[in-house]
Structures are given as structure tokens and as C-alpha cells.
Amino acid sequence: MERKTVYRVLLVIVIILAVIFTLGVIGVVPFVWSEYITVFMVILFFVLRFSKGAQSS
């Protein structure tokens, strides 16, 4: 897949997860979901950061 397409798909996923995260903080869904989403976002950040750094080298 093209990089631009991957980033668009990731954007949709991140927006959906941000909404679920907010609902977890409010208390509509179990808060543990928000914790899992936070861990996923941090891992995603590092993967994207290191993959971009590896490609520019």
C-alpha cells in the first residue's frame, strides 16, 4: 500500500480510538479500554517514528 493511504487509514483508526478513549475517561465504557488504547498509541508512535527514521537513512 502507498504510504499516503496507510496514513489515511491510521488517521481514521486513531480518531475512532480517541473517541473510545474519551468515552472511557467519562465512564461510558470500561476505563481499562482507555489504558489499552494509550499503550497502543504509544507503540504506534514509536513504530512510525522509527520507520520514518530508518527510511530517511
C-alpha atoms as a PDB file:
ATOM      1  CA  MET A   1       0.000   0.000   0.000  1.00  0.00           C
ATOM      2  CA  GLU A   2       1.105   3.516  -0.646  1.00  0.00           C
ATOM      3  CA  ARG A   3       2.350   5.498   2.363  1.00  0.00           C
ATOM      4  CA  LYS A   4      -0.330   8.158   1.929  1.00  0.00           C
ATOM      5  CA  THR A   5      -3.081   5.529   2.010  1.00  0.00           C
ATOM      6  CA  VAL A   6      -1.606   3.894   5.112  1.00  0.00           C
ATOM      7  CA  TYR A   7      -1.533   7.225   6.932  1.00  0.00           C
ATOM      8  CA  ARG A   8      -5.153   7.930   5.986  1.00  0.00           C
ATOM      9  CA  VAL A   9      -6.259   4.555   7.335  1.00  0.00           C
ATOM     10  CA  LEU A  10      -4.243   5.120  10.511  1.00  0.00           C
ATOM     11  CA  LEU A  11      -5.847   8.539  10.913  1.00  0.00           C
ATOM     12  CA  VAL A  12      -9.329   7.012  10.842  1.00  0.00           C
ATOM     13  CA  ILE A  13      -8.275   4.337  13.342  1.00  0.00           C
ATOM     14  CA  VAL A  14      -6.720   6.904  15.682  1.00  0.00           C
ATOM     15  CA  ILE A  15      -9.810   9.136  15.567  1.00  0.00           C
ATOM     16  CA  ILE A  16     -12.075   6.187  16.422  1.00  0.00           C
ATOM     17  CA  LEU A  17      -9.746   5.150  19.252  1.00  0.00           C
ATOM     18  CA  ALA A  18      -9.653   8.731  20.565  1.00  0.00           C
ATOM     19  CA  VAL A  19     -13.454   8.732  20.793  1.00  0.00           C
ATOM     20  CA  ILE A  20     -13.419   5.388  22.636  1.00  0.00           C
ATOM     21  CA  PHE A  21     -10.664   6.725  24.913  1.00  0.00           C
ATOM     22  CA  THR A  22     -12.802   9.765  25.756  1.00  0.00           C
ATOM     23  CA  LEU A  23     -15.803   7.554  26.488  1.00  0.00           C
ATOM     24  CA  GLY A  24     -13.586   5.517  28.809  1.00  0.00           C
ATOM     25  CA  VAL A  25     -12.481   8.612  30.693  1.00  0.00           C
ATOM     26  CA  ILE A  26     -16.105   9.748  31.012  1.00  0.00           C
ATOM     27  CA  GLY A  27     -17.109   6.305  32.255  1.00  0.00           C
ATOM     28  CA  VAL A  28     -19.362   5.121  29.432  1.00  0.00           C
ATOM     29  CA  VAL A  29     -17.066   2.222  28.544  1.00  0.00           C
ATOM     30  CA  PRO A  30     -14.685   0.415  30.943  1.00  0.00           C
ATOM     31  CA  PHE A  31     -11.685   2.612  31.783  1.00  0.00           C
ATOM     32  CA  VAL A  32      -9.336  -0.282  31.118  1.00  0.00           C
ATOM     33  CA  TRP A  33     -10.080   0.190  27.401  1.00  0.00           C
ATOM     34  CA  SER A  34      -8.563   3.676  27.672  1.00  0.00           C
ATOM     35  CA  GLU A  35      -5.425   2.203  29.193  1.00  0.00           C
ATOM     36  CA  TYR A  36      -5.071  -0.278  26.331  1.00  0.00           C
ATOM     37  CA  ILE A  37      -5.649   2.476  23.771  1.00  0.00           C
ATOM     38  CA  THR A  38      -2.947   4.600  25.424  1.00  0.00           C
ATOM     39  CA  VAL A  39      -0.433   1.753  25.210  1.00  0.00           C
ATOM     40  CA  PHE A  40      -1.381   1.139  21.560  1.00  0.00           C
ATOM     41  CA  MET A  41      -0.954   4.841  20.699  1.00  0.00           C
ATOM     42  CA  VAL A  42       2.483   4.989  22.324  1.00  0.00           C
ATOM     43  CA  ILE A  43       3.635   1.870  20.473  1.00  0.00           C
ATOM     44  CA  LEU A  44       2.200   3.207  17.207  1.00  0.00           C
ATOM     45  CA  PHE A  45       4.049   6.496  17.728  1.00  0.00           C
ATOM     46  CA  PHE A  46       7.395   4.767  18.196  1.00  0.00           C
ATOM     47  CA  VAL A  47       6.857   2.389  15.272  1.00  0.00           C
ATOM     48  CA  LEU A  48       6.025   5.263  12.937  1.00  0.00           C
ATOM     49  CA  ARG A  49       8.863   7.382  14.295  1.00  0.00           C
ATOM     50  CA  PHE A  50      11.488   4.672  13.869  1.00  0.00           C
ATOM     51  CA  SER A  51      10.170   3.512  10.488  1.00  0.00           C
ATOM     52  CA  LYS A  52      10.386   7.062   9.145  1.00  0.00           C
ATOM     53  CA  GLY A  53      13.917   7.447  10.555  1.00  0.00           C
ATOM     54  CA  ALA A  54      15.008   4.151   9.012  1.00  0.00           C
ATOM     55  CA  GLN A  55      13.726   5.163   5.573  1.00  0.00           C
ATOM     56  CA  SER A  56      15.467   8.550   5.547  1.00  0.00           C
ATOM     57  CA  SER A  57      18.869   6.973   6.358  1.00  0.00           C
END
